Amino acid sequence: MVKTQLLVVGGGPAGLAAADTAASLGIQVLLVDEGRSLGGQLVKQTHKFFGSGEHHAGVRGIDIPQLLLKEGQDKITFKLNTTVIGCYQDRVLTALTGEDEYFKISPQAAIFATGASEKFLAFPGNDLPGVYGAGAVQTLMNQYGVLPGNRVLMVGAGNIGIIVSYQLLQAGVQVAAVVEAAPQIGGYLVHASKLARAGVPILTRHTILAARGKEAVESAVIARLDDNWQVVPGSQQELEVDVVCLAVGLSPVVDLLRQAGCRTRYVPELGGDVPVRDSLLRTSQEWIYVAGDVAGVEEASAAMVEGRLAGAAAAKQLGADVAAADEIIARSQASLKALRGGPVGEKIRSGIAKLEGGIANA
């Protein structure tokens, strides 16, 4: 049995920020992650972040993990290539390292920063080789240096779809088009403008109908949608592509939280089922906190701030200096409010509003 004050599950932006914050407040931390390197999705993100210096504007995602671990690293134990496979209400978790090292963990508190998984679409031919999620394409290219194909249809014009399309172009892969079912793109204009300058068509009110091919993808059929989200007759067109890349959203990974007895609620604005939690990101199980996409799908900037918030809140619960923890909590909450301000954050704000008071009422 491995004992620790705080267990952090997930070594992405939220988990790293949480571990660093708690350690800086004197808490002993065990961080486990199923990857072979720290950073989660950041290790695939070769583009530069923008915004403010606090959120690492001008820094490439691949360089951010090392910036998130600044203080108290002597108080953090890292366990990579490790998957948490069970979480129980008696505060015992089970984990597996590699293929054969099984062990139990007994923390006083835990922060789950398990992120989100890619959503998929049902259409004829979606099981053909050559149909990928955008995260898989990023993994192939940016981690392993493998091109997914020669000519790509991107489905989804959120930030992920737009950014991965541009990274494909940078790698020498043609992007035939980006199709988006909504009447407008969901990604930031600064990213979409790069594609426009490169001559890639972004077709809103369009969707994929089918992928075609004998042994692998050889083409894809797309069509225009009307105001009722129905296919416009006669608008179908077939594009010659060998890759269909799906960037159609993410779903929070809440399996372990449910197993531990944490209450969840379906909030579409946050990506689906999310754990009910309070303003400190503490769930209905008082020893479990959440941060990052598992708490609701947002940008990496928000995940890092939520990590600091959850790390400070958990550290305070574990006996850290109250004044120091409260200062980080207040600063983090103010930062989240700023990140979620304006029309861009309206969807996130409405989703979070559905969770207010949720622990008492769920």
Foldseek 3Di string as FASTA:
>chain_A
DAEFAEEEEAQALLSLLLVQLLLQLPGQYEYEYLAPDGHVLLLLFQDAADDDVLLRGRDTSNPCSVVSRDDRPVRYHYHYNKDFDAAAQVQKTWMDHDPDDIDIYHYQFYEYAPAWAADDDDAAACPAQQEEALSVQSCCCRVVNHHSFAEEEEEAQAQSSLSSQVVCVVSNHHYQAYEALAQDHNYDPVSNVVCVVVVHYYHYQKGWHYFDDDRAGQKTKMAGADPVSDGDPPRIDIGGDRHYYYDPAIAADCVNVVNHVFDWDAQVLQHGIAGQDELLQATLSNRYGYAASNRGDDDSSRRNLNSSSNSLVNSVVSPGDPVVSVVSNVVSSVVNCVVLDDPSNPSVVVRVVVRYVVSVVD
